[in-house]
Amino acid sequence: NVRSEPYGVAYDPAKGEVFVADYGSQQVQVISDSTNAVVANVSVGVNPADIAYDSAKGEMFVSNAASGTISVISDTTNSVVATVTVGDQPRGVAYDPAQGQVFVSTSQGSGSDNGAVYVISDSTDKVVTTVPVSGAATGIAYDSAKGELFVSNDPDNVAVISASTDKVVATATVGTLPRGITYDPENGDLYVANYAGGVDTVSVISDISNALVANVNVGPSPFYSTYDPANGEIFVALEGSNTVAVISTSSNTAVGDVGVGKNPDGIAYDSGKGEVFVANYAPNTVSVITIGTASSRTSTTTSSAATTSSSTSASSSSVAATSSSASVATTSTVAVTATSPVTTTSSPTAPTTSSPQAGSTTSSSGSSSSTIPWSYLWLD
């Protein structure tokens, strides 16, 4: 059986497609947002983790954690057109349209125990410089108003990098093991998911002061997040509760949540459809959250087959569903296995699998051992 383990997610508005990095299968799967079906598989490096869309080139930049490389995928051909070598354990990826550069966070720089951010020119697909940071770099987000990159670093800080000088200009202290970062251009704030420490918060950093201005209580193990500009909300994948929390950016409070599959981590907003795509690591699925009003809450489940060129037809059936968020309306689920067609259940929560889960490690005998969030293992 091919292990998929979907992780990073990115939306391509030019194609109306969602690209999902499958950590366990060495592939990126392409989902059509019109059919919610997998339409292509692209082979990349080992353990693809995060992914970012370059709107100028029509390309996806994919970090391959175990390979120490970045795969560049053309959205025209759905094929790899370049491979860029970076540092140890590349994770977060962010695109800077002003400079025509892609920034990649890594857990270790060349010859250093600390992390580094590699800067890649999208015109040459080559590394042009490296910015050292303090700690193992994980998530990264681009602030278009200030021309700055915000980089989350273990164990508890966020570095602010000027995109014009490629220098660290500030550091903000946040919660324990910060992961994904999302930029809100309306209020100029950065939202940082604090994965561990038992605090279950998202830290809010102002890009004016580069300082912490709020902590939002969400649920256990917040991982990645995405911004919905239409409703002014941040959607946060909660790996520990199999839900997505919704934060109002006007009040910096959690206003609700919606159930998805098991161990959600990657998440992306689809501006074309007004939907949020959520990668569920354990059951090899992607949940699709449709944003609307509280008056129309139904749920559909989509069955799809992975192909290499053409779309497969998606069937759906309606079932009852509820959500405590005023903006979350419906959910559906897309199977993202790289082998034969998989039919999902009629519940928004995906089925369990026999593969090692995010909250444990597995010995060579197959028995579950100590409870260690799998993301910690990236530091090895």
Protein backbone atom coordinates (compact mmCIF):
# COMPACT_ATOMS: atom_id res chain seq x y z
CA ASN A 1 0.00 0.00 0.00
CA VAL A 2 1.23 3.47 -0.88
CA ARG A 3 1.27 5.83 2.12
CA SER A 4 -0.01 9.27 1.23
CA GLU A 5 -0.05 11.37 4.42
CA PRO A 6 -1.16 14.72 2.94
CA TYR A 7 0.56 17.66 4.57
CA GLY A 8 1.11 21.08 2.94
CA VAL A 9 -1.63 22.62 0.77
CA ALA A 10 -1.57 25.53 -1.72
CA TYR A 11 -4.19 27.04 -4.02
CA ASP A 12 -3.58 27.96 -7.67
CA PRO A 13 -6.17 30.60 -8.68
CA ALA A 14 -5.11 30.59 -12.33
CA LYS A 15 -6.00 26.92 -12.74
CA GLY A 16 -8.67 26.55 -10.07
CA GLU A 17 -6.65 23.74 -8.56
CA VAL A 18 -5.35 22.79 -5.13
CA PHE A 19 -1.88 21.23 -4.77
CA VAL A 20 -1.35 18.84 -1.85
CA ALA A 21 2.10 17.69 -0.72
CA ASP A 22 1.89 14.02 0.30
CA TYR A 23 4.54 13.51 2.94
CA GLY A 24 4.60 9.71 2.71
CA SER A 25 4.28 9.11 -1.03
CA GLN A 26 6.92 11.44 -2.58
CA GLN A 27 4.16 13.00 -4.63
CA VAL A 28 2.14 16.16 -4.98
CA GLN A 29 -1.49 15.56 -5.84
CA VAL A 30 -3.51 18.07 -7.83
CA ILE A 31 -7.20 18.50 -7.00
CA SER A 32 -9.68 20.31 -9.24
CA ASP A 33 -11.82 22.64 -7.14
CA SER A 34 -14.69 22.30 -9.62
CA THR A 35 -15.01 18.53 -9.14
CA ASN A 36 -13.12 17.99 -5.86
CA ALA A 37 -11.34 15.14 -7.60
CA VAL A 38 -7.65 14.33 -7.98
CA VAL A 39 -6.61 15.11 -11.56
CA ALA A 40 -2.83 14.57 -11.46
CA ASN A 41 0.05 13.15 -9.44
CA VAL A 42 3.49 14.72 -9.63
CA SER A 43 6.55 12.87 -8.33
CA VAL A 44 8.87 15.05 -6.22
CA GLY A 45 11.52 14.49 -3.52
CA VAL A 46 11.36 12.50 -0.29
CA ASN A 47 8.84 13.66 2.32
CA PRO A 48 7.32 16.69 0.58
CA ALA A 49 6.13 18.96 3.38
CA ASP A 50 5.04 22.46 2.44
CA ILE A 51 4.14 24.17 -0.81
CA ALA A 52 3.75 27.74 -2.12
CA TYR A 53 2.35 29.20 -5.33
CA ASP A 54 4.38 31.59 -7.49
CA SER A 55 1.74 33.61 -9.37
CA ALA A 56 4.22 35.27 -11.75
CA LYS A 57 5.65 32.00 -13.06
CA GLY A 58 2.61 29.76 -12.60
CA GLU A 59 4.71 27.39 -10.52
CA MET A 60 4.52 25.55 -7.22
CA PHE A 61 7.57 25.37 -4.96
CA VAL A 62 7.57 22.22 -2.82
CA SER A 63 9.87 21.59 0.15
CA ASN A 64 11.17 18.00 0.35
CA ALA A 65 12.07 17.51 4.01
CA ALA A 66 14.20 14.38 3.75
CA SER A 67 15.85 15.30 0.43
CA GLY A 68 16.92 18.81 1.43
CA THR A 69 15.57 20.09 -1.88
CA ILE A 70 12.83 22.20 -3.43
CA SER A 71 10.87 20.81 -6.37
CA VAL A 72 9.52 23.39 -8.82
CA ILE A 73 6.30 22.28 -10.53
CA SER A 74 4.83 23.95 -13.62
CA ASP A 75 1.05 24.26 -13.28
CA THR A 76 0.79 24.10 -17.08
CA THR A 77 2.33 20.64 -17.44
CA ASN A 78 2.00 19.38 -13.85
CA SER A 79 5.62 18.27 -14.00
CA VAL A 80 8.83 19.15 -12.16
CA VAL A 81 10.83 21.71 -14.15
CA ALA A 82 13.65 22.31 -11.64
CA THR A 83 15.11 21.00 -8.39
CA VAL A 84 16.92 23.34 -5.99
CA THR A 85 19.20 22.09 -3.20
CA VAL A 86 18.79 23.88 0.13
CA GLY A 87 19.60 23.10 3.79
CA ASP A 88 18.64 20.29 6.13
CA GLN A 89 14.91 19.61 6.58
CA PRO A 90 13.29 22.36 4.48
CA ARG A 91 9.80 23.09 5.76
CA GLY A 92 7.90 26.34 5.22
CA VAL A 93 7.79 28.01 1.79
CA ALA A 94 6.65 31.57 1.00
CA TYR A 95 6.59 33.60 -2.23
CA ASP A 96 7.58 37.27 -2.45
CA PRO A 97 6.06 38.74 -5.65
CA ALA A 98 7.84 42.08 -5.24
CA GLN A 99 11.30 40.52 -5.39
CA GLY A 100 10.41 37.50 -7.52
CA GLN A 101 11.86 35.27 -4.84
CA VAL A 102 10.86 32.21 -2.84
CA PHE A 103 11.87 31.92 0.82
CA VAL A 104 12.37 28.47 2.39
CA SER A 105 12.76 27.82 6.11
CA THR A 106 15.09 24.99 7.19
CA SER A 107 15.88 23.43 10.55
CA GLN A 108 19.63 23.72 9.99
CA GLY A 109 21.78 26.02 7.92
CA SER A 110 25.09 25.04 6.35
CA GLY A 111 27.53 24.21 9.16
CA SER A 112 25.18 25.47 11.88
CA ASP A 113 22.96 23.94 14.54
CA ASN A 114 20.53 26.82 14.07
CA GLY A 115 18.09 27.15 11.23
CA ALA A 116 18.30 29.25 8.11
CA VAL A 117 16.07 30.73 5.45
CA TYR A 118 17.17 30.08 1.86
CA VAL A 119 16.28 32.69 -0.75
CA ILE A 120 15.62 31.36 -4.27
CA SER A 121 15.28 33.47 -7.42
CA ASP A 122 12.24 32.31 -9.38
CA SER A 123 13.85 33.46 -12.65
CA THR A 124 16.91 31.24 -12.28
CA ASP A 125 15.67 28.65 -9.76
CA LYS A 126 18.91 29.09 -7.83
CA VAL A 127 19.72 30.02 -4.24
CA VAL A 128 20.86 33.65 -4.13
CA THR A 129 21.51 34.01 -0.40
CA THR A 130 20.94 32.43 3.00
CA VAL A 131 19.65 34.16 6.14
CA PRO A 132 20.60 32.54 9.47
CA VAL A 133 17.97 32.51 12.22
CA SER A 134 17.94 31.44 15.87
CA GLY A 135 16.54 27.94 16.34
CA ALA A 136 15.04 25.45 13.92
CA ALA A 137 12.96 27.37 11.38
CA THR A 138 9.53 25.97 10.62
CA GLY A 139 6.65 28.08 9.29
CA ILE A 140 7.05 31.20 7.14
CA ALA A 141 4.76 33.91 5.77
CA TYR A 142 5.24 36.98 3.56
CA ASP A 143 3.94 40.39 4.64
CA SER A 144 3.23 42.28 1.42
CA ALA A 145 2.68 45.66 3.10
CA LYS A 146 6.02 45.74 4.89
CA GLY A 147 8.04 43.60 2.48
CA GLU A 148 9.01 41.27 5.32
CA LEU A 149 9.11 37.56 6.04
CA PHE A 150 7.95 36.20 9.36
CA VAL A 151 9.64 32.91 10.31
CA SER A 152 8.63 30.70 13.24
CA ASN A 153 11.57 29.13 15.07
CA ASP A 154 11.72 26.43 17.72
CA PRO A 155 11.43 26.68 20.57
CA ASP A 156 9.45 29.93 20.96
CA ASN A 157 10.19 32.87 18.69
CA VAL A 158 9.42 34.45 15.34
CA ALA A 159 12.15 36.14 13.29
CA VAL A 160 11.30 39.10 11.06
CA ILE A 161 13.38 39.28 7.85
CA SER A 162 13.52 42.26 5.50
CA ALA A 163 13.01 40.95 1.96
CA SER A 164 15.01 43.84 0.52
CA THR A 165 18.11 43.38 2.69
CA ASP A 166 17.77 39.68 3.59
CA LYS A 167 18.56 40.53 7.21
CA VAL A 168 16.76 39.73 10.47
CA VAL A 169 15.36 43.06 11.71
CA ALA A 170 13.36 41.90 14.74
CA THR A 171 12.43 38.91 16.88
CA ALA A 172 9.15 38.31 18.70
CA THR A 173 8.57 35.79 21.48
CA VAL A 174 5.50 33.56 21.05
CA GLY A 175 4.31 30.20 22.41
CA THR A 176 6.00 26.81 22.43
CA LEU A 177 6.96 25.20 19.10
CA PRO A 178 5.43 27.76 16.75
CA ARG A 179 4.43 26.25 13.41
CA GLY A 180 2.33 27.82 10.67
CA ILE A 181 2.09 31.60 10.18
CA THR A 182 -0.63 33.46 8.28
CA TYR A 183 -0.64 37.15 7.27
CA ASP A 184 -3.78 39.29 7.42
CA PRO A 185 -3.29 42.26 5.06
CA GLU A 186 -6.35 44.07 6.40
CA ASN A 187 -5.07 44.60 9.94
CA GLY A 188 -1.37 44.00 9.33
CA ASP A 189 -1.19 41.15 11.82
CA LEU A 190 0.54 37.78 11.68
CA TYR A 191 -1.13 34.73 13.22
CA VAL A 192 1.26 32.11 14.65
CA ALA A 193 0.07 28.61 15.65
CA ASN A 194 1.76 27.41 18.86
CA TYR A 195 1.83 23.65 18.50
CA ALA A 196 2.95 22.46 21.95
CA GLY A 197 3.23 23.50 25.57
CA GLY A 198 -0.37 22.81 26.55
CA VAL A 199 -1.48 26.40 25.92
CA ASP A 200 -3.44 25.73 22.72
CA THR A 201 -3.06 29.26 21.40
CA VAL A 202 -2.48 31.30 18.28
CA SER A 203 -0.20 34.28 18.89
CA VAL A 204 -0.97 37.54 17.08
CA ILE A 205 1.97 39.77 16.06
CA SER A 206 1.56 43.34 14.80
CA ASP A 207 3.73 44.11 11.78
CA ILE A 208 3.92 47.73 12.96
CA SER A 209 5.58 46.98 16.29
CA ASN A 210 6.83 43.44 15.48
CA ALA A 211 5.54 42.56 18.95
CA LEU A 212 2.94 40.21 20.41
CA VAL A 213 -0.47 41.92 20.70
CA ALA A 214 -2.76 39.00 21.55
CA ASN A 215 -3.06 35.29 22.24
CA VAL A 216 -6.17 33.50 20.97
CA ASN A 217 -7.27 30.32 22.72
CA VAL A 218 -8.19 27.64 20.20
CA GLY A 219 -7.94 23.85 20.55
CA PRO A 220 -5.15 21.29 21.03
CA SER A 221 -2.11 21.29 18.76
CA PRO A 222 -2.77 24.14 16.30
CA PHE A 223 -0.61 23.57 13.24
CA TYR A 224 -1.12 25.49 9.98
CA SER A 225 -3.63 28.22 9.19
CA THR A 226 -5.06 30.21 6.30
CA TYR A 227 -6.79 33.58 5.84
CA ASP A 228 -10.28 34.15 4.44
CA PRO A 229 -10.36 37.79 3.25
CA ALA A 230 -14.06 37.72 2.38
CA ASN A 231 -15.09 37.14 6.00
CA GLY A 232 -12.03 38.42 7.83
CA GLU A 233 -11.32 35.08 9.45
CA ILE A 234 -8.34 32.80 10.11
CA PHE A 235 -8.90 29.04 9.78
CA VAL A 236 -6.55 27.00 12.01
CA ALA A 237 -6.02 23.23 11.64
CA LEU A 238 -6.07 21.63 15.11
CA GLU A 239 -4.11 18.40 14.84
CA GLY A 240 -5.07 17.31 18.34
CA SER A 241 -8.87 17.56 18.05
CA ASN A 242 -9.62 16.75 14.39
CA THR A 243 -11.20 20.15 13.91
CA VAL A 244 -10.52 23.51 12.29
CA ALA A 245 -10.87 26.56 14.55
CA VAL A 246 -12.18 29.85 13.16
CA ILE A 247 -10.75 33.14 14.45
CA SER A 248 -12.33 36.54 13.82
CA THR A 249 -9.55 38.98 12.93
CA SER A 250 -11.65 41.95 14.03
CA SER A 251 -11.86 40.73 17.63
CA ASN A 252 -8.98 38.21 17.75
CA THR A 253 -11.26 35.65 19.34
CA ALA A 254 -12.25 32.12 18.33
CA VAL A 255 -15.79 32.20 16.96
CA GLY A 256 -16.30 28.52 16.17
CA ASP A 257 -14.91 25.32 14.70
CA VAL A 258 -15.76 22.59 12.21
CA GLY A 259 -15.03 18.87 12.31
CA VAL A 260 -12.72 17.46 9.63
CA GLY A 261 -10.61 14.31 9.25
CA LYS A 262 -8.02 12.90 11.64
CA ASN A 263 -4.81 14.85 12.35
CA PRO A 264 -5.48 17.92 10.14
CA ASP A 265 -2.33 19.90 9.42
CA GLY A 266 -2.04 21.63 6.02
CA ILE A 267 -4.75 24.12 5.06
CA ALA A 268 -5.39 26.61 2.24
CA TYR A 269 -8.12 29.06 1.22
CA ASP A 270 -9.60 28.81 -2.28
CA SER A 271 -10.64 32.35 -3.26
CA GLY A 272 -12.34 31.18 -6.44
CA LYS A 273 -14.85 28.94 -4.67
CA GLY A 274 -14.86 30.42 -1.16
CA GLU A 275 -13.70 27.12 0.25
CA VAL A 276 -11.01 25.91 2.63
CA PHE A 277 -9.04 22.74 1.82
CA VAL A 278 -7.69 20.81 4.82
CA ALA A 279 -5.12 17.99 4.63
CA ASN A 280 -5.91 15.18 7.08
CA TYR A 281 -2.59 13.45 7.72
CA ALA A 282 -3.70 10.10 9.15
CA PRO A 283 -6.57 8.96 6.88
CA ASN A 284 -5.08 10.26 3.61
CA THR A 285 -7.94 12.65 2.86
CA VAL A 286 -8.56 16.32 2.19
CA SER A 287 -11.63 17.93 3.74
CA VAL A 288 -13.32 20.75 1.84
CA ILE A 289 -15.06 23.41 3.96
CA THR A 290 -17.52 25.61 2.13
CA ILE A 291 -17.99 29.02 3.73
CA GLY A 292 -21.49 30.47 3.87
CA THR A 293 -24.28 31.27 6.29
CA ALA A 294 -25.58 29.26 9.22
CA SER A 295 -28.93 28.72 7.47
CA SER A 296 -27.63 26.11 5.02
CA ARG A 297 -25.60 23.48 6.85
CA THR A 298 -25.34 20.19 4.99
CA SER A 299 -22.41 17.95 4.29
CA THR A 300 -21.34 16.00 1.25
CA THR A 301 -18.77 13.28 0.83
CA THR A 302 -16.82 12.97 -2.39
CA SER A 303 -15.26 9.78 -3.76
CA SER A 304 -12.34 10.21 -6.15
CA ALA A 305 -9.58 8.26 -7.87
CA ALA A 306 -6.03 9.51 -8.38
CA THR A 307 -5.05 9.83 -12.03
CA THR A 308 -2.10 11.23 -13.90
CA SER A 309 -3.83 13.32 -16.51
CA SER A 310 -7.61 13.62 -16.56
CA SER A 311 -10.30 14.37 -13.96
CA THR A 312 -12.43 11.64 -12.48
CA SER A 313 -16.11 12.19 -11.82
CA ALA A 314 -17.04 13.04 -8.23
CA SER A 315 -20.17 11.59 -6.67
CA SER A 316 -21.72 13.12 -3.59
CA SER A 317 -24.50 12.54 -1.08
CA SER A 318 -25.97 14.91 1.48
CA VAL A 319 -26.00 14.19 5.20
CA ALA A 320 -26.76 16.34 8.22
CA ALA A 321 -23.91 18.33 9.74
CA THR A 322 -23.47 21.07 12.32
CA SER A 323 -20.85 23.64 13.18
CA SER A 324 -20.50 26.25 15.91
CA SER A 325 -19.07 28.81 13.47
CA ALA A 326 -21.36 31.35 11.85
CA SER A 327 -19.37 31.27 8.63
CA VAL A 328 -18.77 27.54 8.12
CA ALA A 329 -21.50 25.97 6.04
CA THR A 330 -20.58 22.60 4.53
CA THR A 331 -17.80 20.05 4.33
CA SER A 332 -16.86 17.30 1.92
CA THR A 333 -13.95 14.89 1.76
CA VAL A 334 -11.55 13.97 -1.05
CA ALA A 335 -9.57 10.73 -0.89
CA VAL A 336 -5.91 11.31 -1.77
CA THR A 337 -4.40 7.88 -2.06
CA ALA A 338 -1.85 7.24 -4.79
CA THR A 339 -3.09 3.74 -5.62
CA SER A 340 -6.60 2.49 -6.30
CA PRO A 341 -9.85 4.47 -5.91
CA VAL A 342 -10.93 4.96 -2.31
CA THR A 343 -14.50 5.61 -1.21
CA THR A 344 -14.80 7.83 1.84
CA THR A 345 -17.50 7.59 4.49
CA SER A 346 -20.55 9.83 4.71
CA SER A 347 -19.17 11.66 7.74
CA PRO A 348 -17.04 14.82 7.64
CA THR A 349 -14.66 13.00 9.99
CA ALA A 350 -12.48 10.62 8.01
CA PRO A 351 -11.94 6.98 9.02
CA THR A 352 -8.98 5.81 11.01
CA THR A 353 -6.06 4.00 9.46
CA SER A 354 -3.55 1.40 10.62
CA SER A 355 -0.56 3.60 9.87
CA PRO A 356 1.36 5.36 12.67
CA GLN A 357 -0.59 8.38 13.89
CA ALA A 358 0.64 11.87 14.63
CA GLY A 359 0.60 11.36 18.38
CA SER A 360 2.88 8.34 18.58
CA THR A 361 5.97 6.66 17.23
CA THR A 362 6.08 3.05 16.11
CA SER A 363 8.75 0.48 16.84
CA SER A 364 10.11 -1.97 14.29
CA SER A 365 7.70 -4.56 15.66
CA GLY A 366 4.78 -2.28 14.79
CA SER A 367 3.71 -1.54 18.37
CA SER A 368 2.89 1.99 19.45
CA SER A 369 5.40 3.64 21.77
CA SER A 370 5.61 6.97 23.58
CA THR A 371 3.28 9.82 22.70
CA ILE A 372 5.48 12.25 20.75
CA PRO A 373 4.00 14.64 18.20
CA TRP A 374 5.43 13.45 14.90
CA SER A 375 6.48 16.98 13.98
CA TYR A 376 9.11 16.78 16.72
CA LEU A 377 10.73 13.99 14.70
CA TRP A 378 11.68 16.51 12.02
CA LEU A 379 14.35 17.82 14.36
CA ASP A 380 16.29 14.56 14.27
